[in-house]
């Protein structure tokens, strides 16, 4: 996969995170020795892993500039994003398949965001073509954010007159309790 724009940035970001996580894990492991000899074992491990204290813990998390670059590469059409989406099953157009729908929606939503930025900058109303693109992007977003939206979880819940057992039990307990009424 040589020559893919952004591959170096995402690799550097991943390596920096992994180095920092490994360093932190060693440090935390050295602080977690139980028993009466725990402090001794902790000191020995710290001396072996980090002989000069924090001077020998050089790994830092990726900086914000690199994180923003990786985010931009993954959330806008790019060679890197194409590399990650290559080989992903794409359902036929019109069939509901969230991954395919997300991949197809990206260019439309990016274009709509660019149009919205221009409209805000120029302080003007959209043309009909621009309004159509924005409306299409908003419709796609509305459909795609509807995750785990079901009219009912089980077939029983879909039946007429169904009441969840927990609610029935609560109603029965409340009916059996002697309550004061202030009405």
Protein backbone atom coordinates (compact mmCIF):
# COMPACT_ATOMS: atom_id res chain seq x y z
CA UNK A 1 0.00 0.00 0.00
CA UNK A 2 2.85 2.37 -0.76
CA UNK A 3 2.00 5.80 -2.03
CA UNK A 4 -1.30 6.15 -0.14
CA UNK A 5 -1.61 9.74 1.03
CA UNK A 6 -1.87 9.87 4.82
CA UNK A 7 -0.64 6.34 5.50
CA UNK A 8 2.48 7.69 7.23
CA UNK A 9 0.39 9.99 9.43
CA UNK A 10 -1.97 7.26 10.60
CA UNK A 11 0.93 4.85 11.17
CA UNK A 12 2.81 7.45 13.22
CA UNK A 13 -0.34 8.22 15.23
CA UNK A 14 -0.93 4.53 15.94
CA UNK A 15 2.69 3.89 16.92
CA UNK A 16 2.82 6.90 19.25
CA UNK A 17 -0.35 5.72 20.99
CA UNK A 18 0.94 2.15 21.29
CA UNK A 19 4.32 3.27 22.67
CA UNK A 20 2.63 5.52 25.25
CA UNK A 21 0.19 2.75 26.26
CA UNK A 22 3.02 0.22 26.66
CA UNK A 23 5.06 2.68 28.72
CA UNK A 24 2.06 3.47 30.95
CA UNK A 25 1.23 -0.23 31.33
CA UNK A 26 4.77 -1.01 32.51
CA UNK A 27 4.65 1.89 34.95
CA UNK A 28 1.26 0.81 36.32
CA UNK A 29 2.39 -2.83 36.57
CA UNK A 30 5.42 -1.74 38.58
CA UNK A 31 3.11 -0.04 41.07
CA UNK A 32 0.88 -3.09 41.49
CA UNK A 33 2.96 -5.64 43.39
CA UNK A 34 1.02 -6.98 46.39
CA UNK A 35 2.25 -8.29 49.68
CA UNK A 36 4.94 -7.21 52.12
CA UNK A 37 7.66 -7.37 49.43
CA UNK A 38 5.55 -5.41 46.96
CA UNK A 39 7.42 -2.13 47.39
CA UNK A 40 10.76 -3.90 46.89
CA UNK A 41 9.57 -5.67 43.75
CA UNK A 42 8.08 -2.41 42.52
CA UNK A 43 11.39 -0.59 42.98
CA UNK A 44 13.33 -3.35 41.21
CA UNK A 45 10.94 -3.28 38.25
CA UNK A 46 11.04 0.51 38.02
CA UNK A 47 14.85 0.46 38.13
CA UNK A 48 14.89 -2.12 35.32
CA UNK A 49 12.30 -0.40 33.13
CA UNK A 50 12.88 3.24 33.97
CA UNK A 51 16.41 3.57 35.47
CA UNK A 52 16.39 7.37 35.33
CA UNK A 53 12.76 7.84 36.36
CA UNK A 54 10.70 10.08 34.12
CA UNK A 55 13.74 10.81 31.96
CA UNK A 56 13.53 7.24 30.65
CA UNK A 57 9.82 7.49 29.94
CA UNK A 58 10.10 9.44 26.68
CA UNK A 59 6.88 8.42 24.95
CA UNK A 60 4.15 11.01 24.59
CA UNK A 61 0.64 10.82 23.14
CA UNK A 62 0.21 12.06 19.57
CA UNK A 63 -0.09 15.83 19.36
CA UNK A 64 -3.32 17.56 18.39
CA UNK A 65 -2.05 18.53 14.94
CA UNK A 66 -1.37 14.88 14.03
CA UNK A 67 -4.69 13.76 15.54
CA UNK A 68 -6.57 16.40 13.50
CA UNK A 69 -4.77 15.31 10.33
CA UNK A 70 -5.68 11.66 10.89
CA UNK A 71 -9.27 12.66 11.66
CA UNK A 72 -9.46 14.72 8.47
CA UNK A 73 -8.06 11.85 6.39
CA UNK A 74 -10.58 9.38 7.80
CA UNK A 75 -13.66 11.60 7.68
CA UNK A 76 -13.26 13.08 4.20
CA UNK A 77 -12.78 11.39 0.85
CA UNK A 78 -9.07 10.49 0.63
CA UNK A 79 -6.76 7.75 -0.55
CA UNK A 80 -6.45 6.53 3.04
CA UNK A 81 -10.19 6.25 3.45
CA UNK A 82 -10.42 4.48 0.09
CA UNK A 83 -7.78 2.01 1.29
CA UNK A 84 -9.86 1.20 4.38
CA UNK A 85 -13.12 0.87 2.44
CA UNK A 86 -11.57 -1.25 -0.31
CA UNK A 87 -12.89 -4.79 -0.06
CA UNK A 88 -15.89 -3.87 2.11
CA UNK A 89 -19.14 -5.43 0.96
CA UNK A 90 -21.34 -2.87 -0.75
CA UNK A 91 -25.02 -3.75 -0.88
CA UNK A 92 -26.88 -2.93 -4.08
CA UNK A 93 -28.18 0.63 -4.30
CA UNK A 94 -31.55 0.90 -2.53
CA UNK A 95 -31.00 -2.06 -0.19
CA UNK A 96 -30.74 -1.12 3.49
CA UNK A 97 -27.20 -1.81 4.66
CA UNK A 98 -25.74 0.73 7.07
CA UNK A 99 -22.07 0.32 6.16
CA UNK A 100 -22.83 0.71 2.44
CA UNK A 101 -25.12 3.64 3.19
CA UNK A 102 -22.42 5.35 5.29
CA UNK A 103 -19.82 4.94 2.55
CA UNK A 104 -22.21 6.28 -0.11
CA UNK A 105 -23.33 9.19 2.07
CA UNK A 106 -19.86 10.55 2.81
CA UNK A 107 -19.25 12.47 -0.44
CA UNK A 108 -22.75 13.97 -0.36
CA UNK A 109 -22.43 15.08 3.28
CA UNK A 110 -18.94 16.53 2.71
CA UNK A 111 -20.23 18.49 -0.29
CA UNK A 112 -23.21 19.74 1.72
CA UNK A 113 -20.91 20.84 4.55
CA UNK A 114 -18.74 22.79 2.08
CA UNK A 115 -21.84 24.46 0.65
CA UNK A 116 -23.08 25.35 4.14
CA UNK A 117 -19.68 26.89 4.96
CA UNK A 118 -19.76 29.01 1.82
CA UNK A 119 -23.32 30.11 2.58
CA UNK A 120 -22.38 31.18 6.11
CA UNK A 121 -19.25 32.96 4.89
CA UNK A 122 -21.08 34.78 2.08
CA UNK A 123 -24.18 35.36 4.23
CA UNK A 124 -26.55 34.34 1.46
CA UNK A 125 -29.37 31.93 0.78
CA UNK A 126 -28.67 28.69 -1.13
CA UNK A 127 -29.54 28.25 -4.77
CA UNK A 128 -32.04 25.51 -5.61
CA UNK A 129 -29.22 23.10 -6.54
CA UNK A 130 -27.39 23.84 -3.27
CA UNK A 131 -30.61 23.47 -1.26
CA UNK A 132 -31.24 20.10 -2.92
CA UNK A 133 -27.77 18.82 -1.96
CA UNK A 134 -28.16 20.07 1.63
CA UNK A 135 -31.62 18.49 1.89
CA UNK A 136 -30.32 15.18 0.52
CA UNK A 137 -27.43 15.19 3.02
CA UNK A 138 -29.77 15.98 5.91
CA UNK A 139 -32.12 13.18 4.85
CA UNK A 140 -29.19 10.74 4.67
CA UNK A 141 -27.96 11.84 8.11
CA UNK A 142 -31.43 11.42 9.59
CA UNK A 143 -31.67 7.87 8.25
CA UNK A 144 -28.12 6.91 9.25
CA UNK A 145 -28.35 8.10 12.85
CA UNK A 146 -31.41 5.94 13.49
CA UNK A 147 -29.52 3.08 15.12
CA UNK A 148 -31.29 0.59 17.37
CA UNK A 149 -34.67 2.10 16.54
CA UNK A 150 -37.21 -0.70 16.62
CA UNK A 151 -40.97 -0.54 17.20
CA UNK A 152 -40.53 -3.46 19.63
CA UNK A 153 -37.71 -5.69 20.80
CA UNK A 154 -39.42 -9.08 20.65
CA UNK A 155 -42.35 -10.51 18.67
CA UNK A 156 -44.36 -10.72 21.91
CA UNK A 157 -44.02 -6.99 22.44
CA UNK A 158 -45.48 -6.40 19.00
CA UNK A 159 -48.72 -8.18 19.85
CA UNK A 160 -51.87 -6.22 20.60
CA UNK A 161 -52.35 -5.56 24.33
CA UNK A 162 -48.92 -6.79 25.41
CA UNK A 163 -47.64 -5.42 28.72
CA UNK A 164 -44.14 -6.18 29.93
CA UNK A 165 -44.09 -8.56 32.94
CA UNK A 166 -42.16 -6.09 35.07
CA UNK A 167 -44.86 -3.48 34.57
CA UNK A 168 -47.60 -5.98 35.41
CA UNK A 169 -45.77 -6.94 38.61
CA UNK A 170 -45.39 -3.30 39.56
CA UNK A 171 -49.09 -2.62 39.00
CA UNK A 172 -50.03 -5.65 41.12
CA UNK A 173 -47.74 -4.59 44.00
CA UNK A 174 -49.02 -1.02 43.92
CA UNK A 175 -52.62 -2.23 43.92
CA UNK A 176 -51.93 -4.39 47.00
CA UNK A 177 -50.30 -1.56 48.97
CA UNK A 178 -52.47 0.48 51.29
CA UNK A 179 -51.82 4.06 50.15
CA UNK A 180 -53.05 7.30 51.52
CA UNK A 181 -54.84 9.58 49.13
CA UNK A 182 -54.68 13.33 49.60
CA UNK A 183 -57.28 14.11 46.99
